[in-house]
Amino acid sequence: MEDSSMLFTFGLVAVGIVFVVIFFHYVPFFLWLSAKVSGVNISLIQLFLMRIRNVPPYIIVPAMIEAHKAGLSTITRDELEAHYLAGGHVEKVVHALVSASKANIELPFQMATAIDLAGRDVFEAVQMSVNPKVIDTPPVTAVAKDGIQLIAKARVTVRANIRQLVGGAGEDTILARVGEGIVSSIGSSENHKSVLENPDSISKLVLRKGLDAGTAFEILSIDIADIDIGKNIGAALQIDQANADKNIAQAKAEERRAMAVASEQEMKAKAQEARAKVIEAEAEVPKAMAEAFRSGNLGIMDYYRMKNIEADTSMRENIAKPSSNNSQPLSK
């Protein structure tokens, strides 16, 4: 009997413990007590229904307490639950609303939840509205009109524009626009010396362009932190152009030389062809003489007379053009 009573007692204790655990899981009594002490009106049944809807009370209730203590009485439990179920960050939204209220920044709950659901950190945006952020641009390379390359670094001070956070461009767009403005400003300068003497002219020109249009930020200032002199791009381009012109001239000269060589070879071939024709014609002379002998048009006396004429002609040519080998001085 004693053993059975002990088992029954242990069973009751175990059931009681399980019941208490389940009860405090679905009905967070101490969280309800903390809310009541803080002045937040919420019932145990509402906390139990939150558990049924898979909404953690330990996120909603502290957010309600924080909003109530900050004087934001317009925020309701249903709105916080709806924002959580939509995938938002309830704690960040409430922190942002409290910070905006303390800084006298107009930020409705609907706008804060829209910014949060858009993927932006609404609490960081409120902080940037109070404390502007400084963005360092990467080195921007530009060339002045005199061909000298300048490398500039700028520091952009921006402040978050709460109303443009949904759908507005981010920091990358700001940096790209500032870099474009610096390149345009340096490129329009007559020489690099004027830029080095007055670097604030770049920031003034860039600020006048309204680069923050359509972005989630408001540009407060653009300061040129450093300017370095790079390469002489103009001289390098002139050298490259001169080398290109030289290569073109060399190519044209080589083309003309090749054409001259081809023409010379062609003339040599034509001369060889003409010489071959002459030799061929000279070979036909004996044949023609033999045919003249056979036909009776040429007699033997005519033949000897022609030979005498050839001999006289050869003798005259030798007398007119004596050979250097035969003209030797007489020895004494």
C-alpha atoms as a PDB file:
ATOM      1  CA  MET A   1       0.000   0.000   0.000  1.00  0.00           C
ATOM      2  CA  GLU A   2       2.792   2.408   0.839  1.00  0.00           C
ATOM      3  CA  ASP A   3       4.526   1.730  -2.491  1.00  0.00           C
ATOM      4  CA  SER A   4       1.359   2.321  -4.440  1.00  0.00           C
ATOM      5  CA  SER A   5       0.666   5.558  -2.572  1.00  0.00           C
ATOM      6  CA  MET A   6       4.204   6.780  -3.242  1.00  0.00           C
ATOM      7  CA  LEU A   7       3.872   5.992  -6.928  1.00  0.00           C
ATOM      8  CA  PHE A   8       0.545   7.803  -7.004  1.00  0.00           C
ATOM      9  CA  THR A   9       2.142  10.801  -5.279  1.00  0.00           C
ATOM     10  CA  PHE A  10       5.053  10.883  -7.749  1.00  0.00           C
ATOM     11  CA  GLY A  11       2.586  10.612 -10.604  1.00  0.00           C
ATOM     12  CA  LEU A  12       0.587  13.549  -9.317  1.00  0.00           C
ATOM     13  CA  VAL A  13       3.772  15.584  -8.873  1.00  0.00           C
ATOM     14  CA  ALA A  14       4.943  14.759 -12.412  1.00  0.00           C
ATOM     15  CA  VAL A  15       1.556  15.629 -13.877  1.00  0.00           C
ATOM     16  CA  GLY A  16       1.557  18.850 -11.883  1.00  0.00           C
ATOM     17  CA  ILE A  17       5.010  19.791 -13.111  1.00  0.00           C
ATOM     18  CA  VAL A  18       4.046  19.101 -16.720  1.00  0.00           C
ATOM     19  CA  PHE A  19       0.871  21.107 -16.283  1.00  0.00           C
ATOM     20  CA  VAL A  20       2.756  24.050 -14.774  1.00  0.00           C
ATOM     21  CA  VAL A  21       5.328  24.001 -17.600  1.00  0.00           C
ATOM     22  CA  ILE A  22       2.630  23.883 -20.252  1.00  0.00           C
ATOM     23  CA  PHE A  23       0.622  26.572 -18.470  1.00  0.00           C
ATOM     24  CA  PHE A  24       3.533  29.001 -18.184  1.00  0.00           C
ATOM     25  CA  HIS A  25       4.519  28.268 -21.776  1.00  0.00           C
ATOM     26  CA  TYR A  26       1.143  29.188 -23.195  1.00  0.00           C
ATOM     27  CA  VAL A  27       0.254  31.683 -20.476  1.00  0.00           C
ATOM     28  CA  PRO A  28       3.366  33.763 -19.619  1.00  0.00           C
ATOM     29  CA  PHE A  29       2.216  34.918 -16.225  1.00  0.00           C
ATOM     30  CA  PHE A  30       5.356  36.817 -15.254  1.00  0.00           C
ATOM     31  CA  LEU A  31       5.375  38.648 -18.593  1.00  0.00           C
ATOM     32  CA  TRP A  32       1.740  39.617 -17.991  1.00  0.00           C
ATOM     33  CA  LEU A  33       2.692  40.791 -14.501  1.00  0.00           C
ATOM     34  CA  SER A  34       5.555  42.897 -15.909  1.00  0.00           C
ATOM     35  CA  ALA A  35       3.175  44.480 -18.420  1.00  0.00           C
ATOM     36  CA  LYS A  36       0.649  45.288 -15.723  1.00  0.00           C
ATOM     37  CA  VAL A  37       3.306  46.881 -13.543  1.00  0.00           C
ATOM     38  CA  SER A  38       4.458  48.978 -16.513  1.00  0.00           C
ATOM     39  CA  GLY A  39       0.932  50.180 -17.230  1.00  0.00           C
ATOM     40  CA  VAL A  40       0.322  48.173 -20.409  1.00  0.00           C
ATOM     41  CA  ASN A  41      -3.215  46.881 -20.666  1.00  0.00           C
ATOM     42  CA  ILE A  42      -3.067  43.242 -21.817  1.00  0.00           C
ATOM     43  CA  SER A  43      -4.807  40.127 -20.535  1.00  0.00           C
ATOM     44  CA  LEU A  44      -3.663  36.540 -20.006  1.00  0.00           C
ATOM     45  CA  ILE A  45      -6.138  35.392 -22.647  1.00  0.00           C
ATOM     46  CA  GLN A  46      -4.518  37.690 -25.225  1.00  0.00           C
ATOM     47  CA  LEU A  47      -1.100  36.273 -24.340  1.00  0.00           C
ATOM     48  CA  PHE A  48      -2.484  32.743 -24.688  1.00  0.00           C
ATOM     49  CA  LEU A  49      -3.950  33.590 -28.100  1.00  0.00           C
ATOM     50  CA  MET A  50      -0.578  34.988 -29.182  1.00  0.00           C
ATOM     51  CA  ARG A  51       0.946  31.558 -28.524  1.00  0.00           C
ATOM     52  CA  ILE A  52      -1.814  29.945 -30.546  1.00  0.00           C
ATOM     53  CA  ARG A  53      -1.086  32.344 -33.474  1.00  0.00           C
ATOM     54  CA  ASN A  54       2.685  31.556 -33.239  1.00  0.00           C
ATOM     55  CA  VAL A  55       3.463  35.117 -32.175  1.00  0.00           C
ATOM     56  CA  PRO A  56       6.095  35.225 -29.397  1.00  0.00           C
ATOM     57  CA  PRO A  57       4.802  37.351 -26.495  1.00  0.00           C
ATOM     58  CA  TYR A  58       8.373  37.952 -25.346  1.00  0.00           C
ATOM     59  CA  ILE A  59       8.832  40.166 -28.453  1.00  0.00           C
ATOM     60  CA  ILE A  60       5.462  41.934 -28.560  1.00  0.00           C
ATOM     61  CA  VAL A  61       5.039  42.725 -24.858  1.00  0.00           C
ATOM     62  CA  PRO A  62       8.489  44.341 -24.294  1.00  0.00           C
ATOM     63  CA  ALA A  63       7.920  46.417 -27.440  1.00  0.00           C
ATOM     64  CA  MET A  64       4.545  47.558 -26.069  1.00  0.00           C
ATOM     65  CA  ILE A  65       6.167  48.413 -22.730  1.00  0.00           C
ATOM     66  CA  GLU A  66       8.907  50.450 -24.455  1.00  0.00           C
ATOM     67  CA  ALA A  67       6.376  52.331 -26.598  1.00  0.00           C
ATOM     68  CA  HIS A  68       4.143  53.019 -23.606  1.00  0.00           C
ATOM     69  CA  LYS A  69       7.021  54.361 -21.531  1.00  0.00           C
ATOM     70  CA  ALA A  70       8.090  56.603 -24.443  1.00  0.00           C
ATOM     71  CA  GLY A  71       4.588  58.052 -24.739  1.00  0.00           C
ATOM     72  CA  LEU A  72       3.686  56.353 -28.024  1.00  0.00           C
ATOM     73  CA  SER A  73       0.176  55.376 -27.062  1.00  0.00           C
ATOM     74  CA  THR A  74      -1.036  55.099 -30.668  1.00  0.00           C
ATOM     75  CA  ILE A  75       0.826  51.836 -31.255  1.00  0.00           C
ATOM     76  CA  THR A  76      -1.479  48.876 -30.643  1.00  0.00           C
ATOM     77  CA  ARG A  77      -0.850  45.212 -30.032  1.00  0.00           C
ATOM     78  CA  ASP A  78      -2.609  44.187 -33.237  1.00  0.00           C
ATOM     79  CA  GLU A  79      -0.319  46.415 -35.330  1.00  0.00           C
ATOM     80  CA  LEU A  80       2.795  44.911 -33.750  1.00  0.00           C
ATOM     81  CA  GLU A  81       1.480  41.389 -34.269  1.00  0.00           C
ATOM     82  CA  ALA A  82       0.611  42.118 -37.897  1.00  0.00           C
ATOM     83  CA  HIS A  83       4.086  43.522 -38.531  1.00  0.00           C
ATOM     84  CA  TYR A  84       5.722  40.463 -36.962  1.00  0.00           C
ATOM     85  CA  LEU A  85       3.590  38.079 -39.011  1.00  0.00           C
ATOM     86  CA  ALA A  86       4.552  40.035 -42.159  1.00  0.00           C
ATOM     87  CA  GLY A  87       8.212  39.256 -41.462  1.00  0.00           C
ATOM     88  CA  GLY A  88       9.220  42.558 -39.907  1.00  0.00           C
ATOM     89  CA  HIS A  89      11.515  43.391 -37.011  1.00  0.00           C
ATOM     90  CA  VAL A  90       9.262  44.653 -34.242  1.00  0.00           C
ATOM     91  CA  GLU A  91      12.072  45.630 -31.878  1.00  0.00           C
ATOM     92  CA  LYS A  92      13.911  47.763 -34.475  1.00  0.00           C
ATOM     93  CA  VAL A  93      10.703  49.500 -35.498  1.00  0.00           C
ATOM     94  CA  VAL A  94       9.840  50.415 -31.912  1.00  0.00           C
ATOM     95  CA  HIS A  95      13.417  51.557 -31.227  1.00  0.00           C
ATOM     96  CA  ALA A  96      13.259  53.742 -34.343  1.00  0.00           C
ATOM     97  CA  LEU A  97       9.905  55.242 -33.356  1.00  0.00           C
ATOM     98  CA  VAL A  98      11.152  56.063 -29.860  1.00  0.00           C
ATOM     99  CA  SER A  99      14.367  57.636 -31.211  1.00  0.00           C
ATOM    100  CA  ALA A 100      12.428  59.670 -33.783  1.00  0.00           C
ATOM    101  CA  SER A 101      10.020  60.873 -31.130  1.00  0.00           C
ATOM    102  CA  LYS A 102      12.851  62.009 -28.863  1.00  0.00           C
ATOM    103  CA  ALA A 103      14.600  63.779 -31.788  1.00  0.00           C
ATOM    104  CA  ASN A 104      11.382  65.498 -32.978  1.00  0.00           C
ATOM    105  CA  ILE A 105      11.504  63.625 -36.301  1.00  0.00           C
ATOM    106  CA  GLU A 106       8.145  62.881 -37.881  1.00  0.00           C
ATOM    107  CA  LEU A 107       7.987  59.114 -38.427  1.00  0.00           C
ATOM    108  CA  PRO A 108       4.527  57.479 -38.536  1.00  0.00           C
ATOM    109  CA  PHE A 109       4.199  53.820 -37.617  1.00  0.00           C
ATOM    110  CA  GLN A 110       3.064  52.874 -41.128  1.00  0.00           C
ATOM    111  CA  MET A 111       6.142  54.482 -42.692  1.00  0.00           C
ATOM    112  CA  ALA A 112       8.473  52.819 -40.194  1.00  0.00           C
ATOM    113  CA  THR A 113       6.993  49.386 -40.889  1.00  0.00           C
ATOM    114  CA  ALA A 114       7.160  49.996 -44.655  1.00  0.00           C
ATOM    115  CA  ILE A 115      10.850  50.927 -44.402  1.00  0.00           C
ATOM    116  CA  ASP A 116      11.521  47.831 -42.303  1.00  0.00           C
ATOM    117  CA  LEU A 117       9.678  45.513 -44.698  1.00  0.00           C
ATOM    118  CA  ALA A 118      11.570  47.076 -47.612  1.00  0.00           C
ATOM    119  CA  GLY A 119      14.772  45.593 -46.183  1.00  0.00           C
ATOM    120  CA  ARG A 120      16.311  48.734 -44.709  1.00  0.00           C
ATOM    121  CA  ASP A 121      17.380  49.213 -41.112  1.00  0.00           C
ATOM    122  CA  VAL A 122      14.887  51.817 -39.940  1.00  0.00           C
ATOM    123  CA  PHE A 123      16.636  52.318 -36.601  1.00  0.00           C
ATOM    124  CA  GLU A 124      19.960  53.023 -38.358  1.00  0.00           C
ATOM    125  CA  ALA A 125      18.154  55.423 -40.694  1.00  0.00           C
ATOM    126  CA  VAL A 126      16.821  57.411 -37.748  1.00  0.00           C
ATOM    127  CA  GLN A 127      20.288  57.502 -36.231  1.00  0.00           C
ATOM    128  CA  MET A 128      21.696  58.798 -39.534  1.00  0.00           C
ATOM    129  CA  SER A 129      19.047  61.503 -39.539  1.00  0.00           C
ATOM    130  CA  VAL A 130      20.282  62.664 -36.144  1.00  0.00           C
ATOM    131  CA  ASN A 131      24.013  61.998 -36.689  1.00  0.00           C
ATOM    132  CA  PRO A 132      25.008  62.433 -40.351  1.00  0.00           C
ATOM    133  CA  LYS A 133      27.266  59.761 -41.837  1.00  0.00           C
ATOM    134  CA  VAL A 134      30.584  60.416 -43.588  1.00  0.00           C
ATOM    135  CA  ILE A 135      31.300  58.276 -46.669  1.00  0.00           C
ATOM    136  CA  ASP A 136      34.804  58.061 -48.111  1.00  0.00           C
ATOM    137  CA  THR A 137      34.841  57.762 -51.874  1.00  0.00           C
ATOM    138  CA  PRO A 138      37.371  55.518 -53.613  1.00  0.00           C
ATOM    139  CA  PRO A 139      40.167  57.272 -55.565  1.00  0.00           C
ATOM    140  CA  VAL A 140      38.661  59.027 -58.594  1.00  0.00           C
ATOM    141  CA  THR A 141      40.939  59.419 -61.619  1.00  0.00           C
ATOM    142  CA  ALA A 142      40.328  62.291 -64.057  1.00  0.00           C
ATOM    143  CA  VAL A 143      42.315  64.202 -66.695  1.00  0.00           C
ATOM    144  CA  ALA A 144      42.404  67.991 -67.068  1.00  0.00           C
ATOM    145  CA  LYS A 145      42.443  69.724 -70.447  1.00  0.00           C
ATOM    146  CA  ASP A 146      46.252  70.026 -70.384  1.00  0.00           C
ATOM    147  CA  GLY A 147      46.544  66.226 -70.297  1.00  0.00           C
ATOM    148  CA  ILE A 148      47.691  65.859 -66.670  1.00  0.00           C
ATOM    149  CA  GLN A 149      46.036  63.063 -64.700  1.00  0.00           C
ATOM    150  CA  LEU A 150      44.694  63.876 -61.224  1.00  0.00           C
ATOM    151  CA  ILE A 151      43.648  61.353 -58.557  1.00  0.00           C
ATOM    152  CA  ALA A 152      41.137  62.797 -56.086  1.00  0.00           C
ATOM    153  CA  LYS A 153      39.626  61.446 -52.866  1.00  0.00           C
ATOM    154  CA  ALA A 154      36.483  62.976 -51.398  1.00  0.00           C
ATOM    155  CA  ARG A 155      34.506  62.691 -48.161  1.00  0.00           C
ATOM    156  CA  VAL A 156      30.736  62.924 -48.554  1.00  0.00           C
ATOM    157  CA  THR A 157      28.601  63.827 -45.546  1.00  0.00           C
ATOM    158  CA  VAL A 158      25.062  62.489 -45.940  1.00  0.00           C
ATOM    159  CA  ARG A 159      21.925  62.437 -43.855  1.00  0.00           C
ATOM    160  CA  ALA A 160      19.169  59.873 -44.223  1.00  0.00           C
ATOM    161  CA  ASN A 161      16.012  61.104 -45.930  1.00  0.00           C
ATOM    162  CA  ILE A 162      13.253  59.233 -44.104  1.00  0.00           C
ATOM    163  CA  ARG A 163      10.631  59.863 -46.776  1.00  0.00           C
ATOM    164  CA  GLN A 164      12.877  58.526 -49.556  1.00  0.00           C
ATOM    165  CA  LEU A 165      14.020  55.353 -47.816  1.00  0.00           C
ATOM    166  CA  VAL A 166      11.349  53.307 -49.592  1.00  0.00           C
ATOM    167  CA  GLY A 167      12.311  53.202 -53.257  1.00  0.00           C
ATOM    168  CA  GLY A 168      15.294  55.554 -52.951  1.00  0.00           C
ATOM    169  CA  ALA A 169      18.777  54.688 -54.181  1.00  0.00           C
ATOM    170  CA  GLY A 170      21.513  53.720 -51.737  1.00  0.00           C
ATOM    171  CA  GLU A 171      25.096  54.679 -50.943  1.00  0.00           C
ATOM    172  CA  ASP A 172      26.523  53.109 -54.113  1.00  0.00           C
ATOM    173  CA  THR A 173      24.501  55.509 -56.240  1.00  0.00           C
ATOM    174  CA  ILE A 174      25.721  58.474 -54.177  1.00  0.00           C
ATOM    175  CA  LEU A 175      29.357  57.399 -54.614  1.00  0.00           C
ATOM    176  CA  ALA A 176      28.901  56.833 -58.347  1.00  0.00           C
ATOM    177  CA  ARG A 177      27.295  60.253 -58.867  1.00  0.00           C
ATOM    178  CA  VAL A 178      29.953  62.034 -56.794  1.00  0.00           C
ATOM    179  CA  GLY A 179      32.700  60.278 -58.760  1.00  0.00           C
ATOM    180  CA  GLU A 180      31.056  61.287 -62.026  1.00  0.00           C
ATOM    181  CA  GLY A 181      30.793  64.890 -60.837  1.00  0.00           C
ATOM    182  CA  ILE A 182      34.480  64.987 -59.839  1.00  0.00           C
ATOM    183  CA  VAL A 183      35.542  63.599 -63.230  1.00  0.00           C
ATOM    184  CA  SER A 184      33.379  66.158 -65.032  1.00  0.00           C
ATOM    185  CA  SER A 185      34.683  69.048 -62.906  1.00  0.00           C
ATOM    186  CA  ILE A 186      38.352  68.141 -63.377  1.00  0.00           C
ATOM    187  CA  GLY A 187      37.846  67.432 -67.072  1.00  0.00           C
ATOM    188  CA  SER A 188      36.385  70.903 -67.627  1.00  0.00           C
ATOM    189  CA  SER A 189      39.388  72.620 -65.965  1.00  0.00           C
ATOM    190  CA  GLU A 190      41.832  74.347 -68.305  1.00  0.00           C
ATOM    191  CA  ASN A 191      44.868  72.948 -66.498  1.00  0.00           C
ATOM    192  CA  HIS A 192      45.670  70.873 -63.445  1.00  0.00           C
ATOM    193  CA  LYS A 193      47.236  73.811 -61.599  1.00  0.00           C
ATOM    194  CA  SER A 194      43.883  75.560 -61.242  1.00  0.00           C
ATOM    195  CA  VAL A 195      42.443  72.428 -59.636  1.00  0.00           C
ATOM    196  CA  LEU A 196      45.348  72.115 -57.209  1.00  0.00           C
ATOM    197  CA  GLU A 197      45.112  75.794 -56.292  1.00  0.00           C
ATOM    198  CA  ASN A 198      41.361  75.749 -55.682  1.00  0.00           C
ATOM    199  CA  PRO A 199      40.101  72.228 -54.877  1.00  0.00           C
ATOM    200  CA  ASP A 200      36.886  73.500 -53.269  1.00  0.00           C
ATOM    201  CA  SER A 201      35.705  74.527 -56.739  1.00  0.00           C
ATOM    202  CA  ILE A 202      35.188  70.816 -57.421  1.00  0.00           C
ATOM    203  CA  SER A 203      32.947  70.327 -54.389  1.00  0.00           C
ATOM    204  CA  LYS A 204      30.933  73.471 -55.163  1.00  0.00           C
ATOM    205  CA  LEU A 205      30.360  72.374 -58.743  1.00  0.00           C
ATOM    206  CA  VAL A 206      29.371  68.865 -57.680  1.00  0.00           C
ATOM    207  CA  LEU A 207      26.974  70.123 -55.003  1.00  0.00           C
ATOM    208  CA  ARG A 208      25.186  72.374 -57.517  1.00  0.00           C
ATOM    209  CA  LYS A 209      24.269  69.339 -59.617  1.00  0.00           C
ATOM    210  CA  GLY A 210      21.809  67.978 -57.039  1.00  0.00           C
ATOM    211  CA  LEU A 211      23.280  64.484 -56.938  1.00  0.00           C
ATOM    212  CA  ASP A 212      20.999  63.335 -54.085  1.00  0.00           C
ATOM    213  CA  ALA A 213      17.841  63.457 -56.219  1.00  0.00           C
ATOM    214  CA  GLY A 214      15.977  60.160 -56.086  1.00  0.00           C
ATOM    215  CA  THR A 215      18.196  58.724 -53.343  1.00  0.00           C
ATOM    216  CA  ALA A 216      17.535  57.826 -49.734  1.00  0.00           C
ATOM    217  CA  PHE A 217      20.077  60.392 -48.537  1.00  0.00           C
ATOM    218  CA  GLU A 218      20.566  64.127 -48.451  1.00  0.00           C
ATOM    219  CA  ILE A 219      24.078  65.324 -49.283  1.00  0.00           C
ATOM    220  CA  LEU A 220      25.188  67.924 -46.736  1.00  0.00           C
ATOM    221  CA  SER A 221      28.739  68.531 -47.948  1.00  0.00           C
ATOM    222  CA  ILE A 222      31.424  67.181 -50.280  1.00  0.00           C
ATOM    223  CA  ASP A 223      35.002  67.781 -49.155  1.00  0.00           C
ATOM    224  CA  ILE A 224      38.056  67.027 -51.278  1.00  0.00           C
ATOM    225  CA  ALA A 225      40.363  65.186 -48.888  1.00  0.00           C
ATOM    226  CA  ASP A 226      43.358  64.627 -51.160  1.00  0.00           C
ATOM    227  CA  ILE A 227      44.503  65.271 -54.749  1.00  0.00           C
ATOM    228  CA  ASP A 228      47.533  63.524 -56.256  1.00  0.00           C
ATOM    229  CA  ILE A 229      49.164  64.126 -59.636  1.00  0.00           C
ATOM    230  CA  GLY A 230      49.267  61.067 -61.844  1.00  0.00           C
ATOM    231  CA  LYS A 231      50.648  60.461 -65.322  1.00  0.00           C
ATOM    232  CA  ASN A 232      50.945  62.924 -68.201  1.00  0.00           C
ATOM    233  CA  ILE A 233      48.217  61.347 -70.272  1.00  0.00           C
ATOM    234  CA  GLY A 234      48.428  64.028 -72.990  1.00  0.00           C
ATOM    235  CA  ALA A 235      52.118  63.396 -73.617  1.00  0.00           C
ATOM    236  CA  ALA A 236      51.583  59.639 -73.563  1.00  0.00           C
ATOM    237  CA  LEU A 237      48.807  59.978 -76.131  1.00  0.00           C
ATOM    238  CA  GLN A 238      51.020  62.159 -78.345  1.00  0.00           C
ATOM    239  CA  ILE A 239      53.836  59.597 -78.112  1.00  0.00           C
ATOM    240  CA  ASP A 240      51.447  56.806 -78.997  1.00  0.00           C
ATOM    241  CA  GLN A 241      50.116  58.839 -81.932  1.00  0.00           C
ATOM    242  CA  ALA A 242      53.662  59.564 -83.138  1.00  0.00           C
ATOM    243  CA  ASN A 243      54.559  55.866 -82.909  1.00  0.00           C
ATOM    244  CA  ALA A 244      51.406  54.989 -84.801  1.00  0.00           C
ATOM    245  CA  ASP A 245      52.204  57.538 -87.528  1.00  0.00           C
ATOM    246  CA  LYS A 246      55.784  56.217 -87.730  1.00  0.00           C
ATOM    247  CA  ASN A 247      54.562  52.650 -88.070  1.00  0.00           C
ATOM    248  CA  ILE A 248      52.116  53.713 -90.792  1.00  0.00           C
ATOM    249  CA  ALA A 249      54.893  55.568 -92.670  1.00  0.00           C
ATOM    250  CA  GLN A 250      57.192  52.561 -92.365  1.00  0.00           C
ATOM    251  CA  ALA A 251      54.472  50.278 -93.632  1.00  0.00           C
ATOM    252  CA  LYS A 252      53.831  52.544 -96.623  1.00  0.00           C
ATOM    253  CA  ALA A 253      57.592  52.795 -97.375  1.00  0.00           C
ATOM    254  CA  GLU A 254      57.883  49.019 -97.181  1.00  0.00           C
ATOM    255  CA  GLU A 255      54.936  48.726 -99.527  1.00  0.00           C
ATOM    256  CA  ARG A 256      56.557  51.124-102.013  1.00  0.00           C
ATOM    257  CA  ARG A 257      59.882  49.253-101.776  1.00  0.00           C
ATOM    258  CA  ALA A 258      58.136  45.949-102.385  1.00  0.00           C
ATOM    259  CA  MET A 259      56.349  47.464-105.382  1.00  0.00           C
ATOM    260  CA  ALA A 260      59.680  48.796-106.716  1.00  0.00           C
ATOM    261  CA  VAL A 261      61.334  45.395-106.326  1.00  0.00           C
ATOM    262  CA  ALA A 262      58.387  43.749-108.054  1.00  0.00           C
ATOM    263  CA  SER A 263      58.570  46.316-110.881  1.00  0.00           C
ATOM    264  CA  GLU A 264      62.337  45.750-111.233  1.00  0.00           C
ATOM    265  CA  GLN A 265      61.854  42.000-111.414  1.00  0.00           C
ATOM    266  CA  GLU A 266      59.131  42.497-113.992  1.00  0.00           C
ATOM    267  CA  MET A 267      61.418  44.704-116.132  1.00  0.00           C
ATOM    268  CA  LYS A 268      64.195  42.122-115.863  1.00  0.00           C
ATOM    269  CA  ALA A 269      61.803  39.448-117.007  1.00  0.00           C
ATOM    270  CA  LYS A 270      60.716  41.598-119.943  1.00  0.00           C
ATOM    271  CA  ALA A 271      64.397  42.242-120.857  1.00  0.00           C
ATOM    272  CA  GLN A 272      65.109  38.530-120.741  1.00  0.00           C
ATOM    273  CA  GLU A 273      62.078  37.908-122.903  1.00  0.00           C
ATOM    274  CA  ALA A 274      63.209  40.539-125.437  1.00  0.00           C
ATOM    275  CA  ARG A 275      66.770  39.104-125.466  1.00  0.00           C
ATOM    276  CA  ALA A 276      65.350  35.649-126.102  1.00  0.00           C
ATOM    277  CA  LYS A 277      63.351  37.012-129.024  1.00  0.00           C
ATOM    278  CA  VAL A 278      66.508  38.656-130.460  1.00  0.00           C
ATOM    279  CA  ILE A 279      68.449  35.427-130.157  1.00  0.00           C
ATOM    280  CA  GLU A 280      65.572  33.602-131.766  1.00  0.00           C
ATOM    281  CA  ALA A 281      65.528  36.143-134.607  1.00  0.00           C
ATOM    282  CA  GLU A 282      69.327  35.877-135.041  1.00  0.00           C
ATOM    283  CA  ALA A 283      68.952  32.108-135.293  1.00  0.00           C
ATOM    284  CA  GLU A 284      66.574  32.606-138.199  1.00  0.00           C
ATOM    285  CA  VAL A 285      69.187  34.603-140.231  1.00  0.00           C
ATOM    286  CA  PRO A 286      71.261  31.567-141.399  1.00  0.00           C
ATOM    287  CA  LYS A 287      68.081  29.789-142.300  1.00  0.00           C
ATOM    288  CA  ALA A 288      66.941  32.761-144.351  1.00  0.00           C
ATOM    289  CA  MET A 289      70.345  32.969-146.107  1.00  0.00           C
ATOM    290  CA  ALA A 290      70.269  29.266-146.938  1.00  0.00           C
ATOM    291  CA  GLU A 291      66.792  29.654-148.336  1.00  0.00           C
ATOM    292  CA  ALA A 292      67.981  32.654-150.392  1.00  0.00           C
ATOM    293  CA  PHE A 293      70.847  30.568-151.802  1.00  0.00           C
ATOM    294  CA  ARG A 294      68.490  27.797-152.725  1.00  0.00           C
ATOM    295  CA  SER A 295      65.984  30.125-154.337  1.00  0.00           C
ATOM    296  CA  GLY A 296      68.670  32.053-156.240  1.00  0.00           C
ATOM    297  CA  ASN A 297      67.986  35.394-154.588  1.00  0.00           C
ATOM    298  CA  LEU A 298      71.504  35.504-153.109  1.00  0.00           C
ATOM    299  CA  GLY A 299      74.694  34.740-155.017  1.00  0.00           C
ATOM    300  CA  ILE A 300      78.099  33.777-153.779  1.00  0.00           C
ATOM    301  CA  MET A 301      79.509  37.227-154.529  1.00  0.00           C
ATOM    302  CA  ASP A 302      76.751  38.833-152.542  1.00  0.00           C
ATOM    303  CA  TYR A 303      77.637  36.559-149.637  1.00  0.00           C
ATOM    304  CA  TYR A 304      81.347  37.483-149.760  1.00  0.00           C
ATOM    305  CA  ARG A 305      80.488  41.150-150.109  1.00  0.00           C
ATOM    306  CA  MET A 306      78.343  40.919-146.952  1.00  0.00           C
ATOM    307  CA  LYS A 307      81.148  39.179-145.082  1.00  0.00           C
ATOM    308  CA  ASN A 308      83.590  41.917-146.132  1.00  0.00           C
ATOM    309  CA  ILE A 309      81.192  44.530-144.854  1.00  0.00           C
ATOM    310  CA  GLU A 310      80.880  42.703-141.522  1.00  0.00           C
ATOM    311  CA  ALA A 311      84.661  42.454-141.241  1.00  0.00           C
ATOM    312  CA  ASP A 312      85.100  46.167-141.980  1.00  0.00           C
ATOM    313  CA  THR A 313      82.460  47.013-139.425  1.00  0.00           C
ATOM    314  CA  SER A 314      84.126  44.866-136.780  1.00  0.00           C
ATOM    315  CA  MET A 315      87.539  46.409-137.553  1.00  0.00           C
ATOM    316  CA  ARG A 316      86.176  49.941-137.216  1.00  0.00           C
ATOM    317  CA  GLU A 317      84.538  49.048-133.888  1.00  0.00           C
ATOM    318  CA  ASN A 318      87.822  47.634-132.567  1.00  0.00           C
ATOM    319  CA  ILE A 319      89.725  50.726-133.673  1.00  0.00           C
ATOM    320  CA  ALA A 320      87.125  53.053-132.116  1.00  0.00           C
ATOM    321  CA  LYS A 321      87.006  51.084-128.846  1.00  0.00           C
ATOM    322  CA  PRO A 322      90.388  49.548-128.220  1.00  0.00           C
ATOM    323  CA  SER A 323      90.601  46.877-125.566  1.00  0.00           C
ATOM    324  CA  SER A 324      92.426  47.813-122.338  1.00  0.00           C
ATOM    325  CA  ASN A 325      94.341  44.529-122.374  1.00  0.00           C
ATOM    326  CA  ASN A 326      95.816  45.168-125.844  1.00  0.00           C
ATOM    327  CA  SER A 327      96.868  48.816-125.152  1.00  0.00           C
ATOM    328  CA  GLN A 328     100.092  48.246-123.230  1.00  0.00           C
ATOM    329  CA  PRO A 329     103.050  50.696-123.311  1.00  0.00           C
ATOM    330  CA  LEU A 330     106.119  49.677-125.346  1.00  0.00           C
ATOM    331  CA  SER A 331     109.095  48.646-123.327  1.00  0.00           C
ATOM    332  CA  LYS A 332     112.326  50.571-123.838  1.00  0.00           C
END
